[in-house]
Structures are given as C-alpha cells and as structure tokens.
C-alpha cells in the first residue's frame, strides 16, 4: 500500500499562496478601518472647537452635514448671538435646500459659514459616507439633504448621533452629549434612543 502525504515544499507553496492572498486583501480592510478612525477623531476635535467658539463668542454654531449621493460634505456655520432652535424654520430650510430655488427678495440666512474652523467644505475619505444623522429635535433620522447639530453659547450641544459607514459592515456612530459637548465613538450603528438609555 502506497501512502503519500504532502511534501514540505508543497505545504510551503500553499502557505505562500495563502499569505499572498491575505497580504493583498488586508491593506484594504485596514485602510478603511484607519480612515474611519481618523474621521471619528477629527469630528471629536472639531466638536470641541465648535463648542469652545460658541462659548467664547456668545454665538450659536451649527455643524452642517450634507448627505447627497456622491456629494457628501460637512462644514461649520455661525449665527450672531444666542439663537434657539426653530424646528419649523429648520425643516423649511431643508426643503428649500432640496429645491435649490433661492428667492432674490429673501432675507439673508441667520447662519453664515464660519471659515475659522473649517476653511472650506470638508469631504469624507473615499469609500466612507454618512449613514444617517439623528438629533433630539428631528422627527426621524435623516439620511438625505442637510442635517444640523447645534452648539449653544451656554456650552450645551444638541443631543445627536452621526453614523459614518463604508456601506457594508463597517459603521461607527458619533454620539454628542448635550451637557458636556463631548463626542464619543461607538464602533457600531446605534440610534439616538439607544444611546440615551
């Protein structure tokens, strides 16, 4: 009876092929993981800077998240002085933003882009996008149009969550604490209601 097993050379060849396959696929996975970490850290630092600016200038700021397919951006806007959230006006502004029709006789908007925090509109790295944004004042999570997270002169922040995703299995949630203004990272998709329990 002739029993034949694998030779050492055959085993080494198979291991080399497996190593090459893993070596080609792993950098892509780690790149997305590193990109999402980098974006999350950037938002944590940005939220801290917005909160400090709002307190120092006694103004209301807002972080604007634009969620349009292939055109997802974010930037910071400022209103002069303290300003309460007007949910109806915000909803109207979202609808006007969708229509893109600006009336010539319309009054100037209350919020203007603040270039001291974001020099221009920022974009997410390739392969990442905003899954949804949810605030305590929104009727439902937003996944299209513009979403706003407000920062107040008293140091408070509108309770909210931002989901950043690659569209597959990788989704992180940024949670904004209304009292401390601190943004925390949860390494999975979570709604605002889940984070407030």
N, C-alpha and C. Protein backbone atom coordinates (compact mmCIF):
# COMPACT_ATOMS: atom_id res chain seq x y z
N UNK A 1 0.83 -1.17 0.00
CA UNK A 1 0.00 0.00 0.00
C UNK A 1 0.89 1.24 0.00
N UNK A 2 0.62 2.14 -0.94
CA UNK A 2 1.46 3.32 -1.10
C UNK A 2 0.76 4.53 -0.48
N UNK A 3 1.25 4.99 0.66
CA UNK A 3 0.69 6.19 1.31
C UNK A 3 1.56 7.38 0.97
N UNK A 4 0.90 8.35 0.41
CA UNK A 4 1.66 9.53 0.02
C UNK A 4 1.05 10.74 0.70
N UNK A 5 1.82 11.53 1.43
CA UNK A 5 1.36 12.76 2.06
C UNK A 5 1.91 13.96 1.30
N UNK A 6 1.74 15.13 1.89
CA UNK A 6 2.27 16.35 1.27
C UNK A 6 3.73 16.50 1.63
N UNK A 7 4.50 16.93 0.68
CA UNK A 7 5.91 17.19 0.97
C UNK A 7 6.03 18.58 1.59
N UNK A 8 7.13 18.81 2.19
CA UNK A 8 7.37 20.11 2.83
C UNK A 8 7.30 21.24 1.80
N UNK A 9 7.76 21.01 0.62
CA UNK A 9 7.74 22.04 -0.43
C UNK A 9 6.31 22.37 -0.83
N UNK A 10 5.45 21.35 -0.96
CA UNK A 10 4.05 21.59 -1.32
C UNK A 10 3.33 22.40 -0.24
N UNK A 11 3.58 22.06 1.01
CA UNK A 11 2.97 22.81 2.13
C UNK A 11 3.45 24.27 2.11
N UNK A 12 4.73 24.48 1.87
CA UNK A 12 5.27 25.85 1.84
C UNK A 12 4.68 26.65 0.69
N UNK A 13 4.46 26.00 -0.46
CA UNK A 13 3.86 26.70 -1.61
C UNK A 13 2.43 27.12 -1.29
N UNK A 14 1.64 26.23 -0.69
CA UNK A 14 0.26 26.56 -0.31
C UNK A 14 0.24 27.70 0.70
N UNK A 15 1.13 27.66 1.69
CA UNK A 15 1.20 28.73 2.69
C UNK A 15 1.60 30.06 2.05
N UNK A 16 2.49 30.01 1.09
CA UNK A 16 2.92 31.24 0.40
C UNK A 16 1.76 31.84 -0.39
N UNK A 17 0.97 30.99 -1.05
CA UNK A 17 -0.18 31.48 -1.81
C UNK A 17 -1.21 32.10 -0.87
N UNK A 18 -1.51 31.43 0.25
CA UNK A 18 -2.45 31.98 1.24
C UNK A 18 -1.95 33.30 1.81
N UNK A 19 -0.66 33.36 2.08
CA UNK A 19 -0.07 34.60 2.60
C UNK A 19 -0.20 35.75 1.61
N UNK A 20 -0.02 35.45 0.33
CA UNK A 20 -0.14 36.48 -0.70
C UNK A 20 -1.58 36.98 -0.80
N UNK A 21 -2.55 36.06 -0.72
CA UNK A 21 -3.96 36.46 -0.78
C UNK A 21 -4.31 37.35 0.41
N UNK A 22 -3.91 36.95 1.59
CA UNK A 22 -4.18 37.76 2.79
C UNK A 22 -3.45 39.10 2.69
N UNK A 23 -2.23 39.06 2.20
CA UNK A 23 -1.44 40.29 2.06
C UNK A 23 -2.06 41.30 1.10
N UNK A 24 -2.74 40.82 0.08
CA UNK A 24 -3.39 41.72 -0.87
C UNK A 24 -4.70 42.27 -0.33
N UNK A 25 -5.43 41.48 0.43
CA UNK A 25 -6.74 41.92 0.93
C UNK A 25 -6.69 42.70 2.22
N UNK A 26 -5.74 42.41 3.08
CA UNK A 26 -5.69 43.05 4.40
C UNK A 26 -5.50 44.57 4.35
N UNK A 27 -4.61 45.10 3.49
CA UNK A 27 -4.44 46.55 3.49
C UNK A 27 -5.73 47.32 3.19
N UNK A 28 -6.57 46.78 2.32
CA UNK A 28 -7.83 47.46 2.02
C UNK A 28 -8.72 47.53 3.27
N UNK A 29 -8.80 46.42 3.98
CA UNK A 29 -9.61 46.38 5.20
C UNK A 29 -9.06 47.35 6.24
N UNK A 30 -7.75 47.31 6.45
CA UNK A 30 -7.14 48.18 7.46
C UNK A 30 -7.20 49.64 7.06
N UNK A 31 -7.15 49.92 5.74
CA UNK A 31 -7.22 51.31 5.28
C UNK A 31 -8.57 51.91 5.64
N UNK A 32 -9.66 51.18 5.38
CA UNK A 32 -10.98 51.69 5.74
C UNK A 32 -11.10 51.86 7.25
N UNK A 33 -10.57 50.90 8.01
CA UNK A 33 -10.61 50.98 9.47
C UNK A 33 -9.85 52.22 9.94
N UNK A 34 -8.67 52.47 9.37
CA UNK A 34 -7.89 53.65 9.75
C UNK A 34 -8.57 54.93 9.30
N UNK A 35 -9.19 54.93 8.11
CA UNK A 35 -9.90 56.12 7.64
C UNK A 35 -11.05 56.48 8.57
N UNK A 36 -11.83 55.49 8.98
CA UNK A 36 -12.99 55.77 9.83
C UNK A 36 -12.52 56.24 11.21
N UNK A 37 -11.41 55.69 11.71
CA UNK A 37 -10.84 56.16 12.99
C UNK A 37 -10.42 57.62 12.87
N UNK A 38 -9.74 57.93 11.78
CA UNK A 38 -9.25 59.29 11.55
C UNK A 38 -10.42 60.28 11.47
N UNK A 39 -11.47 59.91 10.74
CA UNK A 39 -12.64 60.79 10.59
C UNK A 39 -13.31 60.98 11.95
N UNK A 40 -13.48 59.90 12.71
CA UNK A 40 -14.12 60.00 14.02
C UNK A 40 -13.33 60.91 14.95
N UNK A 41 -12.02 60.76 14.96
CA UNK A 41 -11.18 61.62 15.81
C UNK A 41 -11.28 63.08 15.37
N UNK A 42 -11.33 63.30 14.06
CA UNK A 42 -11.46 64.66 13.54
C UNK A 42 -12.76 65.29 14.03
N UNK A 43 -13.86 64.55 13.99
CA UNK A 43 -15.14 65.07 14.45
C UNK A 43 -15.12 65.36 15.96
N UNK A 44 -14.43 64.54 16.72
CA UNK A 44 -14.33 64.78 18.17
C UNK A 44 -13.61 66.10 18.43
N UNK A 45 -12.48 66.31 17.75
CA UNK A 45 -11.73 67.56 17.92
C UNK A 45 -12.54 68.75 17.41
N UNK A 46 -13.17 68.60 16.25
CA UNK A 46 -13.96 69.68 15.67
C UNK A 46 -15.11 70.07 16.59
N UNK A 47 -15.80 69.09 17.17
CA UNK A 47 -16.92 69.41 18.07
C UNK A 47 -16.45 70.17 19.30
N UNK A 48 -15.28 69.81 19.81
CA UNK A 48 -14.72 70.52 20.97
C UNK A 48 -14.40 71.97 20.59
N UNK A 49 -13.83 72.16 19.39
CA UNK A 49 -13.51 73.53 18.94
C UNK A 49 -14.77 74.35 18.70
N UNK A 50 -15.80 73.74 18.12
CA UNK A 50 -17.06 74.47 17.89
C UNK A 50 -17.67 74.88 19.22
N UNK A 51 -17.70 73.98 20.18
CA UNK A 51 -18.27 74.28 21.49
C UNK A 51 -17.53 75.44 22.16
N UNK A 52 -16.19 75.40 22.10
CA UNK A 52 -15.39 76.48 22.69
C UNK A 52 -15.66 77.82 22.00
N UNK A 53 -15.74 77.80 20.66
CA UNK A 53 -16.01 79.04 19.91
C UNK A 53 -17.38 79.60 20.27
N UNK A 54 -18.37 78.74 20.39
CA UNK A 54 -19.73 79.18 20.74
C UNK A 54 -19.73 79.86 22.11
N UNK A 55 -19.01 79.30 23.05
CA UNK A 55 -18.96 79.88 24.40
C UNK A 55 -18.20 81.20 24.41
N UNK A 56 -17.05 81.24 23.72
CA UNK A 56 -16.22 82.45 23.74
C UNK A 56 -16.87 83.62 23.00
N UNK A 57 -17.58 83.33 21.91
CA UNK A 57 -18.15 84.41 21.11
C UNK A 57 -19.62 84.68 21.45
N UNK A 58 -20.17 83.91 22.41
CA UNK A 58 -21.57 84.05 22.80
C UNK A 58 -22.49 83.96 21.58
N UNK A 59 -22.20 82.96 20.73
CA UNK A 59 -22.96 82.77 19.49
C UNK A 59 -23.41 81.32 19.38
N UNK A 60 -24.42 81.11 18.57
CA UNK A 60 -24.88 79.76 18.27
C UNK A 60 -24.18 79.28 17.01
N UNK A 61 -23.60 78.11 17.08
CA UNK A 61 -22.94 77.48 15.94
C UNK A 61 -23.72 76.23 15.55
N UNK A 62 -23.50 75.79 14.32
CA UNK A 62 -24.06 74.50 13.95
C UNK A 62 -23.11 73.79 12.99
N UNK A 63 -23.05 72.49 13.16
CA UNK A 63 -22.30 71.62 12.27
C UNK A 63 -23.29 71.15 11.21
N UNK A 64 -22.99 71.43 9.95
CA UNK A 64 -23.87 71.08 8.84
C UNK A 64 -23.33 69.81 8.17
N UNK A 65 -24.20 68.81 8.07
CA UNK A 65 -23.86 67.55 7.40
C UNK A 65 -24.69 67.47 6.14
N UNK A 66 -24.04 67.50 4.98
CA UNK A 66 -24.75 67.40 3.70
C UNK A 66 -24.68 65.95 3.22
N UNK A 67 -25.85 65.34 3.07
CA UNK A 67 -25.91 63.92 2.70
C UNK A 67 -26.57 63.76 1.33
N UNK A 68 -25.82 64.09 0.30
CA UNK A 68 -26.26 63.89 -1.08
C UNK A 68 -25.37 62.82 -1.69
N UNK A 69 -25.96 61.89 -2.44
CA UNK A 69 -25.13 60.84 -3.04
C UNK A 69 -23.99 61.43 -3.87
N UNK A 70 -22.80 60.92 -3.64
CA UNK A 70 -21.57 61.35 -4.33
C UNK A 70 -21.22 62.81 -4.09
N UNK A 71 -21.84 63.44 -3.11
CA UNK A 71 -21.52 64.84 -2.79
C UNK A 71 -21.73 65.08 -1.30
N UNK A 72 -21.16 64.21 -0.48
CA UNK A 72 -21.34 64.32 0.97
C UNK A 72 -20.24 65.21 1.54
N UNK A 73 -20.67 66.25 2.27
CA UNK A 73 -19.73 67.22 2.83
C UNK A 73 -20.18 67.63 4.21
N UNK A 74 -19.31 68.36 4.89
CA UNK A 74 -19.69 68.96 6.17
C UNK A 74 -18.92 70.26 6.36
N UNK A 75 -19.51 71.18 7.12
CA UNK A 75 -18.89 72.47 7.41
C UNK A 75 -19.53 73.06 8.65
N UNK A 76 -19.01 74.20 9.09
CA UNK A 76 -19.49 74.86 10.31
C UNK A 76 -20.09 76.21 9.94
N UNK A 77 -21.24 76.52 10.56
CA UNK A 77 -21.90 77.81 10.37
C UNK A 77 -22.12 78.48 11.72
N UNK A 78 -22.26 79.82 11.67
CA UNK A 78 -22.40 80.61 12.88
C UNK A 78 -23.53 81.63 12.73
N UNK A 79 -24.29 81.81 13.80
CA UNK A 79 -25.30 82.87 13.87
C UNK A 79 -24.82 83.89 14.89
N UNK A 80 -25.12 85.15 14.66
CA UNK A 80 -24.71 86.18 15.62
C UNK A 80 -25.59 86.11 16.86
N UNK A 81 -24.95 85.90 17.98
CA UNK A 81 -25.65 85.88 19.26
C UNK A 81 -26.35 84.56 19.52
N UNK A 82 -26.93 84.44 20.71
CA UNK A 82 -27.68 83.21 21.06
C UNK A 82 -28.91 83.09 20.17
N UNK A 83 -29.21 81.88 19.78
CA UNK A 83 -30.35 81.64 18.88
C UNK A 83 -30.97 80.29 19.24
N UNK A 84 -32.26 80.26 19.58
CA UNK A 84 -32.90 78.96 19.88
C UNK A 84 -33.13 78.17 18.59
N UNK A 85 -33.34 76.88 18.73
CA UNK A 85 -33.62 76.04 17.56
C UNK A 85 -35.09 76.22 17.19
N UNK A 86 -35.32 76.60 15.95
CA UNK A 86 -36.68 76.71 15.41
C UNK A 86 -36.86 75.52 14.47
N UNK A 87 -37.53 74.47 14.97
CA UNK A 87 -37.66 73.23 14.22
C UNK A 87 -38.39 73.44 12.90
N UNK A 88 -39.44 74.27 12.91
CA UNK A 88 -40.20 74.53 11.68
C UNK A 88 -39.35 75.26 10.65
N UNK A 89 -38.60 76.28 11.09
CA UNK A 89 -37.74 77.02 10.16
C UNK A 89 -36.63 76.12 9.62
N UNK A 90 -36.14 75.24 10.46
CA UNK A 90 -35.09 74.30 10.04
C UNK A 90 -35.63 73.34 8.99
N UNK A 91 -36.85 72.86 9.19
CA UNK A 91 -37.48 71.96 8.22
C UNK A 91 -37.71 72.67 6.89
N UNK A 92 -38.14 73.94 6.97
CA UNK A 92 -38.35 74.74 5.76
C UNK A 92 -37.02 74.95 5.03
N UNK A 93 -35.96 75.21 5.78
CA UNK A 93 -34.63 75.40 5.18
C UNK A 93 -34.15 74.11 4.50
N UNK A 94 -34.44 72.96 5.11
CA UNK A 94 -34.08 71.68 4.50
C UNK A 94 -34.82 71.49 3.17
N UNK A 95 -36.10 71.83 3.16
CA UNK A 95 -36.90 71.69 1.93
C UNK A 95 -36.40 72.65 0.84
N UNK A 96 -36.09 73.88 1.23
CA UNK A 96 -35.56 74.84 0.25
C UNK A 96 -34.21 74.38 -0.29
N UNK A 97 -33.42 73.74 0.58
CA UNK A 97 -32.13 73.21 0.14
C UNK A 97 -32.30 72.12 -0.88
N UNK A 98 -33.35 71.31 -0.73
CA UNK A 98 -33.62 70.25 -1.71
C UNK A 98 -34.04 70.84 -3.05
N UNK A 99 -34.87 71.89 -2.99
CA UNK A 99 -35.36 72.51 -4.23
C UNK A 99 -34.32 73.38 -4.90
N UNK A 100 -33.39 73.91 -4.14
CA UNK A 100 -32.31 74.77 -4.63
C UNK A 100 -32.80 76.06 -5.27
N UNK A 101 -34.05 76.41 -5.04
CA UNK A 101 -34.58 77.66 -5.58
C UNK A 101 -34.44 78.75 -4.53
N UNK A 102 -33.60 79.72 -4.81
CA UNK A 102 -33.40 80.82 -3.86
C UNK A 102 -34.10 82.06 -4.38
N UNK A 103 -34.93 82.60 -3.55
CA UNK A 103 -35.65 83.82 -3.93
C UNK A 103 -34.73 85.01 -3.79
N UNK A 104 -34.82 85.92 -4.74
CA UNK A 104 -33.95 87.09 -4.72
C UNK A 104 -34.31 88.05 -3.59
N UNK A 105 -35.60 88.13 -3.24
CA UNK A 105 -36.02 89.07 -2.20
C UNK A 105 -36.01 88.45 -0.81
N UNK A 106 -35.49 87.23 -0.68
CA UNK A 106 -35.45 86.55 0.62
C UNK A 106 -34.43 87.23 1.53
N UNK A 107 -34.73 87.30 2.84
CA UNK A 107 -33.76 87.89 3.78
C UNK A 107 -32.51 87.02 3.87
N UNK A 108 -31.39 87.59 4.30
CA UNK A 108 -30.18 86.78 4.41
C UNK A 108 -30.37 85.70 5.48
N UNK A 109 -29.74 84.56 5.30
CA UNK A 109 -29.90 83.48 6.27
C UNK A 109 -29.32 83.87 7.63
N UNK A 110 -29.88 83.29 8.69
CA UNK A 110 -29.39 83.57 10.04
C UNK A 110 -27.99 83.02 10.26
N UNK A 111 -27.70 81.88 9.63
CA UNK A 111 -26.39 81.24 9.79
C UNK A 111 -25.53 81.49 8.57
N UNK A 112 -24.26 81.83 8.81
CA UNK A 112 -23.26 82.03 7.75
C UNK A 112 -22.10 81.07 7.98
N UNK A 113 -21.44 80.65 6.91
CA UNK A 113 -20.30 79.74 7.04
C UNK A 113 -19.20 80.42 7.86
N UNK A 114 -18.67 79.69 8.85
CA UNK A 114 -17.56 80.18 9.67
C UNK A 114 -16.29 79.50 9.20
N UNK A 115 -15.44 80.24 8.53
CA UNK A 115 -14.23 79.68 7.94
C UNK A 115 -13.07 79.59 8.93
N UNK A 116 -13.28 80.00 10.17
CA UNK A 116 -12.19 79.90 11.13
C UNK A 116 -12.02 78.45 11.61
N UNK A 117 -13.06 77.63 11.50
CA UNK A 117 -12.98 76.24 11.95
C UNK A 117 -12.80 75.27 10.79
N UNK A 118 -13.54 75.48 9.73
CA UNK A 118 -13.35 74.70 8.50
C UNK A 118 -13.15 75.70 7.37
N UNK A 119 -11.97 75.73 6.83
CA UNK A 119 -11.63 76.72 5.80
C UNK A 119 -12.55 76.62 4.59
N UNK A 120 -12.99 75.38 4.32
CA UNK A 120 -13.89 75.14 3.19
C UNK A 120 -14.73 73.92 3.55
N UNK A 121 -15.65 73.58 2.67
CA UNK A 121 -16.46 72.39 2.89
C UNK A 121 -15.55 71.17 2.89
N UNK A 122 -15.70 70.33 3.89
CA UNK A 122 -14.86 69.14 4.04
C UNK A 122 -15.58 67.92 3.46
N UNK A 123 -14.81 66.97 2.93
CA UNK A 123 -15.38 65.74 2.40
C UNK A 123 -14.82 64.55 3.17
N UNK A 124 -15.53 63.45 3.11
CA UNK A 124 -15.06 62.22 3.75
C UNK A 124 -14.10 61.50 2.81
N UNK A 125 -13.19 60.69 3.37
CA UNK A 125 -12.29 59.91 2.51
C UNK A 125 -13.09 58.97 1.60
N UNK A 126 -12.48 58.58 0.48
CA UNK A 126 -13.14 57.66 -0.46
C UNK A 126 -13.59 56.40 0.26
N UNK A 127 -14.78 55.95 -0.09
CA UNK A 127 -15.30 54.71 0.48
C UNK A 127 -16.12 54.90 1.74
N UNK A 128 -16.12 56.11 2.31
CA UNK A 128 -16.91 56.38 3.52
C UNK A 128 -18.01 57.38 3.20
N UNK A 129 -19.12 57.26 3.89
CA UNK A 129 -20.19 58.25 3.76
C UNK A 129 -21.01 58.32 5.05
N UNK A 130 -21.87 59.32 5.13
CA UNK A 130 -22.73 59.47 6.29
C UNK A 130 -23.91 58.52 6.14
N UNK A 131 -24.10 57.65 7.13
CA UNK A 131 -25.23 56.73 7.09
C UNK A 131 -26.51 57.46 7.43
N UNK A 132 -26.51 58.10 8.59
CA UNK A 132 -27.66 58.91 8.99
C UNK A 132 -27.24 59.84 10.12
N UNK A 133 -28.03 60.90 10.29
CA UNK A 133 -27.83 61.85 11.38
C UNK A 133 -29.17 61.95 12.11
N UNK A 134 -29.09 61.89 13.42
CA UNK A 134 -30.30 61.98 14.23
C UNK A 134 -30.07 62.98 15.36
N UNK A 135 -31.01 63.91 15.53
CA UNK A 135 -30.93 64.86 16.64
C UNK A 135 -32.18 64.73 17.50
N UNK A 136 -32.10 65.25 18.70
CA UNK A 136 -33.23 65.19 19.61
C UNK A 136 -34.42 65.98 19.06
N UNK A 137 -34.17 66.94 18.16
CA UNK A 137 -35.23 67.77 17.60
C UNK A 137 -35.73 67.29 16.24
N UNK A 138 -35.11 66.26 15.67
CA UNK A 138 -35.58 65.77 14.37
C UNK A 138 -36.68 64.73 14.58
N UNK A 139 -37.64 64.73 13.67
CA UNK A 139 -38.77 63.80 13.78
C UNK A 139 -38.32 62.37 13.53
N UNK A 140 -37.36 62.20 12.65
CA UNK A 140 -36.85 60.87 12.29
C UNK A 140 -35.38 61.03 11.89
N UNK A 141 -34.61 59.94 11.90
CA UNK A 141 -33.22 60.02 11.44
C UNK A 141 -33.17 60.51 10.00
N UNK A 142 -32.20 61.36 9.70
CA UNK A 142 -32.04 61.92 8.36
C UNK A 142 -30.94 61.18 7.61
N UNK A 143 -31.23 60.82 6.37
CA UNK A 143 -30.21 60.16 5.55
C UNK A 143 -30.03 60.86 4.20
N UNK A 144 -30.80 61.94 3.98
CA UNK A 144 -30.63 62.75 2.77
C UNK A 144 -30.76 64.22 3.14
N UNK A 145 -30.29 65.08 2.25
CA UNK A 145 -30.38 66.52 2.50
C UNK A 145 -29.36 66.98 3.52
N UNK A 146 -29.65 68.11 4.16
CA UNK A 146 -28.76 68.67 5.17
C UNK A 146 -29.29 68.39 6.57
N UNK A 147 -28.39 68.04 7.47
CA UNK A 147 -28.72 67.86 8.88
C UNK A 147 -27.88 68.84 9.68
N UNK A 148 -28.42 69.30 10.81
CA UNK A 148 -27.74 70.33 11.61
C UNK A 148 -27.61 69.86 13.06
N UNK A 149 -26.42 70.06 13.62
CA UNK A 149 -26.19 69.82 15.04
C UNK A 149 -25.79 71.16 15.64
N UNK A 150 -26.57 71.65 16.61
CA UNK A 150 -26.39 72.99 17.16
C UNK A 150 -25.53 72.99 18.43
N UNK A 151 -24.69 74.03 18.53
CA UNK A 151 -23.83 74.26 19.68
C UNK A 151 -24.19 75.63 20.24
N UNK A 152 -24.50 75.70 21.54
CA UNK A 152 -25.04 76.92 22.13
C UNK A 152 -24.02 77.66 22.98
N UNK A 153 -24.21 78.98 23.18
CA UNK A 153 -23.25 79.79 23.94
C UNK A 153 -23.08 79.33 25.39
N UNK A 154 -24.08 78.68 25.93
CA UNK A 154 -24.01 78.21 27.32
C UNK A 154 -23.13 76.97 27.47
N UNK A 155 -22.67 76.42 26.34
CA UNK A 155 -21.82 75.23 26.39
C UNK A 155 -22.58 73.95 26.10
N UNK A 156 -23.88 74.06 25.88
CA UNK A 156 -24.68 72.88 25.57
C UNK A 156 -24.61 72.54 24.09
N UNK A 157 -24.86 71.28 23.79
CA UNK A 157 -24.87 70.80 22.41
C UNK A 157 -26.17 70.03 22.20
N UNK A 158 -26.74 70.16 21.03
CA UNK A 158 -27.95 69.42 20.70
C UNK A 158 -27.63 67.92 20.72
N UNK A 159 -28.34 67.15 21.54
CA UNK A 159 -28.11 65.71 21.62
C UNK A 159 -28.31 65.11 20.23
N UNK A 160 -27.31 64.37 19.76
CA UNK A 160 -27.37 63.88 18.39
C UNK A 160 -26.40 62.72 18.16
N UNK A 161 -26.61 62.04 17.04
CA UNK A 161 -25.70 60.99 16.60
C UNK A 161 -25.43 61.15 15.11
N UNK A 162 -24.21 60.81 14.72
CA UNK A 162 -23.81 60.77 13.30
C UNK A 162 -23.27 59.37 13.04
N UNK A 163 -23.81 58.71 12.04
CA UNK A 163 -23.28 57.40 11.64
C UNK A 163 -22.39 57.58 10.41
N UNK A 164 -21.18 57.05 10.51
CA UNK A 164 -20.24 57.07 9.40
C UNK A 164 -20.03 55.62 8.99
N UNK A 165 -20.18 55.32 7.70
CA UNK A 165 -20.16 53.93 7.26
C UNK A 165 -19.44 53.77 5.92
N UNK A 166 -19.04 52.54 5.67
CA UNK A 166 -18.49 52.22 4.35
C UNK A 166 -19.56 51.60 3.46
N UNK A 167 -20.78 51.48 3.97
CA UNK A 167 -21.88 50.92 3.20
C UNK A 167 -21.97 49.41 3.29
N UNK A 168 -21.00 48.78 3.93
CA UNK A 168 -21.01 47.33 4.09
C UNK A 168 -21.17 46.98 5.56
N UNK A 169 -20.12 46.44 6.15
CA UNK A 169 -20.19 46.00 7.55
C UNK A 169 -19.62 47.02 8.53
N UNK A 170 -18.87 47.99 8.05
CA UNK A 170 -18.17 48.91 8.93
C UNK A 170 -19.00 50.18 9.14
N UNK A 171 -19.55 50.35 10.35
CA UNK A 171 -20.31 51.56 10.69
C UNK A 171 -19.93 51.98 12.11
N UNK A 172 -19.58 53.24 12.26
CA UNK A 172 -19.31 53.81 13.59
C UNK A 172 -20.31 54.92 13.84
N UNK A 173 -20.64 55.12 15.11
CA UNK A 173 -21.58 56.16 15.50
C UNK A 173 -20.88 57.15 16.42
N UNK A 174 -21.00 58.44 16.09
CA UNK A 174 -20.52 59.50 16.98
C UNK A 174 -21.72 59.99 17.78
N UNK A 175 -21.58 60.04 19.09
CA UNK A 175 -22.66 60.45 19.98
C UNK A 175 -22.26 61.75 20.66
N UNK A 176 -23.10 62.80 20.51
CA UNK A 176 -22.82 64.10 21.11
C UNK A 176 -23.61 64.24 22.40
N UNK A 177 -22.89 64.39 23.52
CA UNK A 177 -23.51 64.56 24.82
C UNK A 177 -23.99 65.99 24.98
N UNK A 178 -25.27 66.22 25.30
CA UNK A 178 -25.80 67.58 25.33
C UNK A 178 -25.24 68.45 26.45
N UNK A 179 -24.84 67.87 27.56
CA UNK A 179 -24.37 68.67 28.69
C UNK A 179 -22.88 68.99 28.62
N UNK A 180 -22.09 67.99 28.26
CA UNK A 180 -20.64 68.20 28.24
C UNK A 180 -20.12 68.62 26.87
N UNK A 181 -20.91 68.38 25.82
CA UNK A 181 -20.45 68.67 24.47
C UNK A 181 -19.47 67.65 23.95
N UNK A 182 -19.14 66.66 24.77
CA UNK A 182 -18.20 65.62 24.39
C UNK A 182 -18.80 64.71 23.33
N UNK A 183 -18.01 64.38 22.31
CA UNK A 183 -18.43 63.40 21.31
C UNK A 183 -17.73 62.09 21.62
N UNK A 184 -18.51 61.01 21.67
CA UNK A 184 -17.97 59.69 21.94
C UNK A 184 -18.15 58.80 20.72
N UNK A 185 -17.30 57.78 20.61
CA UNK A 185 -17.35 56.85 19.48
C UNK A 185 -17.92 55.52 19.93
N UNK A 186 -18.88 55.01 19.16
CA UNK A 186 -19.38 53.65 19.36
C UNK A 186 -19.08 52.92 18.06
N UNK A 187 -18.40 51.79 18.15
CA UNK A 187 -17.94 51.09 16.95
C UNK A 187 -19.02 50.18 16.37
N UNK A 188 -20.24 50.69 16.27
CA UNK A 188 -21.35 50.01 15.60
C UNK A 188 -22.45 51.02 15.33
N UNK A 189 -23.43 50.65 14.54
CA UNK A 189 -24.55 51.55 14.25
C UNK A 189 -25.49 51.59 15.45
N UNK A 190 -25.79 52.80 15.93
CA UNK A 190 -26.73 52.96 17.03
C UNK A 190 -27.58 54.18 16.80
N UNK A 191 -28.82 54.11 17.26
CA UNK A 191 -29.73 55.26 17.15
C UNK A 191 -29.56 56.14 18.39
N UNK A 192 -30.08 57.33 18.33
CA UNK A 192 -30.00 58.26 19.45
C UNK A 192 -30.74 57.69 20.66
N UNK A 193 -31.89 57.06 20.43
CA UNK A 193 -32.66 56.49 21.53
C UNK A 193 -31.86 55.41 22.26
N UNK A 194 -31.13 54.59 21.50
CA UNK A 194 -30.32 53.53 22.12
C UNK A 194 -29.21 54.10 22.98
N UNK A 195 -28.66 55.23 22.60
CA UNK A 195 -27.55 55.81 23.35
C UNK A 195 -28.02 56.53 24.60
N UNK A 196 -29.29 56.89 24.67
CA UNK A 196 -29.80 57.64 25.82
C UNK A 196 -30.39 56.76 26.90
N UNK A 197 -30.31 55.46 26.74
CA UNK A 197 -30.84 54.55 27.76
C UNK A 197 -29.90 54.40 28.90
